[in-house]
Amino acid sequence: MKFAQLAVGQRFLYKEAEYTKISPLMAEAAEAGSRQLVSRSATVTPLGDLPKQPEIPSEIPVDQLDQVMQNLAGEINDILAASGMSATETGRMARELQQAFIRARQALGLNP
């Protein structure tokens, strides 16, 4: 099996050591707890069962969803501000993201 096919949280063997996949490209060693970059195409041996996926609620309160969207917008703005891009690039990216947020909020019924 290839590393890319593993679910995040799944344990596996790689180069005779046990790891847990912690992101699409990172794994954490079971013994030392050190992190290692693993190629998506690396051959690995899965261990144990797949991790349980969190249960998705059937309903999310509108106020909570609205707050999460606002927090996400703030975090994206912070990332843009710290990106080192020029003011022109940052402004263009911010405008594109703002339009994407408006579309997402409209799709969720959070914008009139």
N, C-alpha and C. Protein backbone atom coordinates (compact mmCIF):
# COMPACT_ATOMS: atom_id res chain seq x y z
N MET A 1 0.85 -1.17 0.00
CA MET A 1 0.00 0.00 0.00
C MET A 1 0.90 1.23 0.00
N LYS A 2 0.44 2.29 -0.64
CA LYS A 2 1.19 3.54 -0.69
C LYS A 2 0.80 4.43 0.49
N PHE A 3 1.75 5.25 0.95
CA PHE A 3 1.51 6.13 2.08
C PHE A 3 0.29 7.01 1.85
N ALA A 4 0.10 7.50 0.63
CA ALA A 4 -1.03 8.38 0.32
C ALA A 4 -2.37 7.71 0.55
N GLN A 5 -2.41 6.38 0.51
CA GLN A 5 -3.66 5.64 0.68
C GLN A 5 -4.06 5.47 2.15
N LEU A 6 -3.14 5.72 3.06
CA LEU A 6 -3.44 5.59 4.49
C LEU A 6 -4.32 6.75 4.95
N ALA A 7 -5.15 6.48 5.93
CA ALA A 7 -5.95 7.53 6.57
C ALA A 7 -5.08 8.21 7.63
N VAL A 8 -5.29 9.51 7.83
CA VAL A 8 -4.60 10.20 8.91
C VAL A 8 -5.00 9.51 10.22
N GLY A 9 -4.02 9.22 11.05
CA GLY A 9 -4.25 8.52 12.30
C GLY A 9 -3.97 7.03 12.22
N GLN A 10 -3.76 6.52 11.02
CA GLN A 10 -3.52 5.08 10.85
C GLN A 10 -2.07 4.75 11.14
N ARG A 11 -1.88 3.62 11.82
CA ARG A 11 -0.54 3.13 12.13
C ARG A 11 -0.04 2.30 10.94
N PHE A 12 1.32 2.29 10.76
CA PHE A 12 1.89 1.54 9.64
C PHE A 12 3.37 1.27 9.89
N LEU A 13 3.91 0.32 9.12
CA LEU A 13 5.35 0.03 9.15
C LEU A 13 5.99 0.66 7.93
N TYR A 14 7.16 1.28 8.15
CA TYR A 14 7.91 1.90 7.08
C TYR A 14 9.39 1.78 7.45
N LYS A 15 10.16 1.18 6.58
CA LYS A 15 11.60 0.98 6.82
C LYS A 15 11.82 0.32 8.18
N GLU A 16 11.05 -0.72 8.45
CA GLU A 16 11.17 -1.56 9.65
C GLU A 16 10.89 -0.82 10.96
N ALA A 17 10.16 0.29 10.89
CA ALA A 17 9.79 1.01 12.10
C ALA A 17 8.29 1.31 12.05
N GLU A 18 7.68 1.44 13.24
CA GLU A 18 6.25 1.72 13.32
C GLU A 18 6.01 3.22 13.41
N TYR A 19 5.04 3.69 12.63
CA TYR A 19 4.68 5.10 12.57
C TYR A 19 3.17 5.26 12.62
N THR A 20 2.75 6.50 12.84
CA THR A 20 1.35 6.90 12.71
C THR A 20 1.31 8.06 11.73
N LYS A 21 0.42 7.99 10.75
CA LYS A 21 0.28 9.07 9.78
C LYS A 21 -0.40 10.24 10.48
N ILE A 22 0.24 11.43 10.44
CA ILE A 22 -0.32 12.59 11.12
C ILE A 22 -0.75 13.70 10.16
N SER A 23 -0.38 13.58 8.90
CA SER A 23 -0.80 14.54 7.87
C SER A 23 -0.56 13.87 6.52
N PRO A 24 -0.97 14.51 5.42
CA PRO A 24 -0.76 13.88 4.11
C PRO A 24 0.70 13.57 3.77
N LEU A 25 1.64 14.24 4.42
CA LEU A 25 3.05 13.98 4.12
C LEU A 25 3.92 13.68 5.34
N MET A 26 3.32 13.67 6.54
CA MET A 26 4.11 13.49 7.75
C MET A 26 3.66 12.27 8.54
N ALA A 27 4.65 11.66 9.21
CA ALA A 27 4.38 10.53 10.08
C ALA A 27 5.14 10.74 11.39
N GLU A 28 4.61 10.14 12.45
CA GLU A 28 5.27 10.23 13.75
C GLU A 28 5.70 8.84 14.17
N ALA A 29 6.97 8.71 14.56
CA ALA A 29 7.51 7.42 14.98
C ALA A 29 6.89 7.00 16.30
N ALA A 30 6.51 5.73 16.40
CA ALA A 30 5.89 5.21 17.62
C ALA A 30 6.86 5.22 18.79
N GLU A 31 8.11 4.88 18.55
CA GLU A 31 9.10 4.77 19.62
C GLU A 31 9.57 6.15 20.10
N ALA A 32 10.16 6.92 19.21
CA ALA A 32 10.81 8.18 19.60
C ALA A 32 9.87 9.37 19.58
N GLY A 33 8.76 9.24 18.87
CA GLY A 33 7.86 10.37 18.75
C GLY A 33 8.35 11.43 17.78
N SER A 34 9.46 11.13 17.09
CA SER A 34 9.98 12.08 16.11
C SER A 34 9.12 12.06 14.85
N ARG A 35 9.13 13.17 14.14
CA ARG A 35 8.33 13.29 12.93
C ARG A 35 9.22 13.14 11.71
N GLN A 36 8.62 12.56 10.66
CA GLN A 36 9.37 12.32 9.44
C GLN A 36 8.50 12.59 8.23
N LEU A 37 9.09 13.24 7.23
CA LEU A 37 8.42 13.44 5.96
C LEU A 37 8.44 12.10 5.22
N VAL A 38 7.28 11.69 4.69
CA VAL A 38 7.18 10.43 3.97
C VAL A 38 6.58 10.71 2.60
N SER A 39 7.24 10.24 1.58
CA SER A 39 6.75 10.42 0.22
C SER A 39 5.39 9.78 0.06
N ARG A 40 4.50 10.45 -0.66
CA ARG A 40 3.15 9.92 -0.89
C ARG A 40 3.22 8.56 -1.58
N SER A 41 4.27 8.33 -2.37
CA SER A 41 4.38 7.09 -3.13
C SER A 41 5.16 6.00 -2.39
N ALA A 42 5.60 6.28 -1.15
CA ALA A 42 6.36 5.29 -0.37
C ALA A 42 5.48 4.07 -0.08
N THR A 43 6.07 2.90 -0.19
CA THR A 43 5.36 1.66 0.12
C THR A 43 5.40 1.42 1.62
N VAL A 44 4.23 1.22 2.22
CA VAL A 44 4.10 1.01 3.66
C VAL A 44 3.21 -0.20 3.91
N THR A 45 3.28 -0.71 5.14
CA THR A 45 2.43 -1.83 5.55
C THR A 45 1.49 -1.34 6.65
N PRO A 46 0.19 -1.29 6.37
CA PRO A 46 -0.76 -0.82 7.40
C PRO A 46 -0.79 -1.77 8.59
N LEU A 47 -1.03 -1.21 9.77
CA LEU A 47 -1.14 -1.99 11.00
C LEU A 47 -2.50 -1.73 11.63
N GLY A 48 -3.14 -2.74 12.12
CA GLY A 48 -4.40 -2.58 12.85
C GLY A 48 -5.53 -2.07 11.99
N ASP A 49 -6.59 -1.69 12.66
CA ASP A 49 -7.79 -1.20 11.99
C ASP A 49 -7.63 0.27 11.64
N LEU A 50 -8.48 0.71 10.74
CA LEU A 50 -8.53 2.14 10.41
C LEU A 50 -8.99 2.91 11.63
N PRO A 51 -8.49 4.13 11.83
CA PRO A 51 -8.97 4.92 12.96
C PRO A 51 -10.44 5.26 12.78
N LYS A 52 -11.16 5.36 13.90
CA LYS A 52 -12.57 5.74 13.82
C LYS A 52 -12.68 7.19 13.38
N GLN A 53 -13.55 7.41 12.42
CA GLN A 53 -13.79 8.77 11.95
C GLN A 53 -14.77 9.44 12.90
N PRO A 54 -14.56 10.73 13.17
CA PRO A 54 -15.50 11.41 14.07
C PRO A 54 -16.89 11.44 13.45
N GLU A 55 -17.88 11.31 14.31
CA GLU A 55 -19.26 11.35 13.84
C GLU A 55 -19.63 12.77 13.45
N ILE A 56 -20.20 12.92 12.29
CA ILE A 56 -20.59 14.23 11.80
C ILE A 56 -22.01 14.51 12.27
N PRO A 57 -22.23 15.63 12.96
CA PRO A 57 -23.57 15.92 13.44
C PRO A 57 -24.53 16.16 12.27
N SER A 58 -25.78 15.77 12.47
CA SER A 58 -26.76 15.96 11.40
C SER A 58 -27.17 17.42 11.29
N GLU A 59 -27.02 18.18 12.37
CA GLU A 59 -27.34 19.60 12.35
C GLU A 59 -26.29 20.38 13.13
N ILE A 60 -25.97 21.56 12.61
CA ILE A 60 -25.05 22.46 13.29
C ILE A 60 -25.80 23.76 13.52
N PRO A 61 -25.84 24.26 14.75
CA PRO A 61 -26.54 25.53 15.00
C PRO A 61 -25.99 26.64 14.13
N VAL A 62 -26.89 27.44 13.56
CA VAL A 62 -26.50 28.51 12.64
C VAL A 62 -25.53 29.48 13.30
N ASP A 63 -25.75 29.84 14.56
CA ASP A 63 -24.85 30.76 15.25
C ASP A 63 -23.43 30.19 15.34
N GLN A 64 -23.34 28.90 15.62
CA GLN A 64 -22.03 28.25 15.72
C GLN A 64 -21.35 28.23 14.35
N LEU A 65 -22.08 27.89 13.31
CA LEU A 65 -21.53 27.86 11.95
C LEU A 65 -21.07 29.25 11.53
N ASP A 66 -21.88 30.26 11.83
CA ASP A 66 -21.52 31.64 11.49
C ASP A 66 -20.23 32.05 12.20
N GLN A 67 -20.10 31.69 13.47
CA GLN A 67 -18.89 32.03 14.23
C GLN A 67 -17.67 31.33 13.67
N VAL A 68 -17.82 30.07 13.29
CA VAL A 68 -16.70 29.33 12.71
C VAL A 68 -16.25 29.97 11.41
N MET A 69 -17.22 30.38 10.57
CA MET A 69 -16.88 31.04 9.30
C MET A 69 -16.16 32.36 9.56
N GLN A 70 -16.61 33.13 10.55
CA GLN A 70 -15.94 34.39 10.88
C GLN A 70 -14.52 34.15 11.39
N ASN A 71 -14.35 33.15 12.23
CA ASN A 71 -13.02 32.82 12.75
C ASN A 71 -12.09 32.39 11.62
N LEU A 72 -12.61 31.57 10.70
CA LEU A 72 -11.81 31.12 9.58
C LEU A 72 -11.38 32.30 8.71
N ALA A 73 -12.28 33.21 8.45
CA ALA A 73 -11.94 34.41 7.66
C ALA A 73 -10.83 35.20 8.35
N GLY A 74 -10.92 35.35 9.67
CA GLY A 74 -9.88 36.06 10.41
C GLY A 74 -8.54 35.37 10.32
N GLU A 75 -8.53 34.04 10.43
CA GLU A 75 -7.28 33.28 10.34
C GLU A 75 -6.67 33.41 8.95
N ILE A 76 -7.51 33.35 7.92
CA ILE A 76 -6.99 33.49 6.56
C ILE A 76 -6.40 34.88 6.36
N ASN A 77 -7.06 35.91 6.89
CA ASN A 77 -6.51 37.27 6.79
C ASN A 77 -5.16 37.37 7.49
N ASP A 78 -5.03 36.74 8.66
CA ASP A 78 -3.75 36.74 9.38
C ASP A 78 -2.66 36.04 8.56
N ILE A 79 -3.02 34.92 7.93
CA ILE A 79 -2.06 34.19 7.10
C ILE A 79 -1.62 35.04 5.93
N LEU A 80 -2.57 35.70 5.28
CA LEU A 80 -2.23 36.58 4.16
C LEU A 80 -1.30 37.70 4.60
N ALA A 81 -1.60 38.30 5.74
CA ALA A 81 -0.80 39.41 6.24
C ALA A 81 0.64 38.98 6.53
N ALA A 82 0.82 37.75 6.96
CA ALA A 82 2.15 37.25 7.31
C ALA A 82 2.84 36.52 6.16
N SER A 83 2.21 36.50 5.00
CA SER A 83 2.71 35.68 3.89
C SER A 83 3.96 36.22 3.22
N GLY A 84 4.21 37.51 3.36
CA GLY A 84 5.36 38.08 2.67
C GLY A 84 5.07 38.44 1.23
N MET A 85 3.82 38.24 0.79
CA MET A 85 3.46 38.63 -0.57
C MET A 85 3.41 40.16 -0.65
N SER A 86 3.53 40.66 -1.86
CA SER A 86 3.43 42.10 -2.05
C SER A 86 2.02 42.56 -1.72
N ALA A 87 1.86 43.86 -1.50
CA ALA A 87 0.54 44.41 -1.19
C ALA A 87 -0.44 44.14 -2.33
N THR A 88 0.04 44.20 -3.55
CA THR A 88 -0.81 43.94 -4.71
C THR A 88 -1.29 42.49 -4.71
N GLU A 89 -0.36 41.55 -4.49
CA GLU A 89 -0.73 40.14 -4.45
C GLU A 89 -1.66 39.84 -3.29
N THR A 90 -1.35 40.40 -2.12
CA THR A 90 -2.19 40.18 -0.94
C THR A 90 -3.60 40.71 -1.18
N GLY A 91 -3.71 41.90 -1.77
CA GLY A 91 -5.01 42.48 -2.05
C GLY A 91 -5.82 41.64 -3.02
N ARG A 92 -5.16 41.16 -4.08
CA ARG A 92 -5.84 40.32 -5.06
C ARG A 92 -6.34 39.02 -4.42
N MET A 93 -5.47 38.40 -3.66
CA MET A 93 -5.83 37.15 -2.99
C MET A 93 -6.96 37.38 -2.00
N ALA A 94 -6.91 38.47 -1.24
CA ALA A 94 -7.95 38.78 -0.26
C ALA A 94 -9.29 38.97 -0.95
N ARG A 95 -9.30 39.67 -2.09
CA ARG A 95 -10.56 39.88 -2.83
C ARG A 95 -11.13 38.56 -3.34
N GLU A 96 -10.27 37.69 -3.87
CA GLU A 96 -10.73 36.39 -4.37
C GLU A 96 -11.28 35.53 -3.23
N LEU A 97 -10.59 35.54 -2.10
CA LEU A 97 -11.07 34.76 -0.95
C LEU A 97 -12.37 35.33 -0.40
N GLN A 98 -12.49 36.65 -0.39
CA GLN A 98 -13.73 37.27 0.09
C GLN A 98 -14.91 36.84 -0.78
N GLN A 99 -14.72 36.79 -2.08
CA GLN A 99 -15.81 36.35 -2.97
C GLN A 99 -16.14 34.88 -2.73
N ALA A 100 -15.13 34.06 -2.49
CA ALA A 100 -15.36 32.64 -2.19
C ALA A 100 -16.14 32.50 -0.88
N PHE A 101 -15.79 33.32 0.12
CA PHE A 101 -16.51 33.28 1.39
C PHE A 101 -17.96 33.70 1.21
N ILE A 102 -18.18 34.73 0.42
CA ILE A 102 -19.55 35.19 0.18
C ILE A 102 -20.36 34.07 -0.46
N ARG A 103 -19.79 33.40 -1.45
CA ARG A 103 -20.50 32.28 -2.10
C ARG A 103 -20.78 31.16 -1.11
N ALA A 104 -19.80 30.83 -0.26
CA ALA A 104 -19.99 29.76 0.73
C ALA A 104 -21.07 30.14 1.74
N ARG A 105 -21.03 31.37 2.22
CA ARG A 105 -22.03 31.81 3.19
C ARG A 105 -23.42 31.83 2.57
N GLN A 106 -23.52 32.25 1.31
CA GLN A 106 -24.82 32.23 0.64
C GLN A 106 -25.33 30.81 0.48
N ALA A 107 -24.45 29.89 0.13
CA ALA A 107 -24.83 28.49 -0.03
C ALA A 107 -25.32 27.89 1.28
N LEU A 108 -24.77 28.38 2.39
CA LEU A 108 -25.16 27.89 3.72
C LEU A 108 -26.34 28.65 4.29
N GLY A 109 -26.81 29.67 3.57
CA GLY A 109 -27.92 30.47 4.08
C GLY A 109 -27.52 31.44 5.16
N LEU A 110 -26.25 31.80 5.24
CA LEU A 110 -25.77 32.73 6.27
C LEU A 110 -25.74 34.17 5.78
N ASN A 111 -25.90 34.39 4.48
CA ASN A 111 -25.96 35.74 3.91
C ASN A 111 -27.32 35.87 3.20
N PRO A 112 -27.96 37.02 3.38
CA PRO A 112 -29.25 37.19 2.65
C PRO A 112 -29.04 37.30 1.15
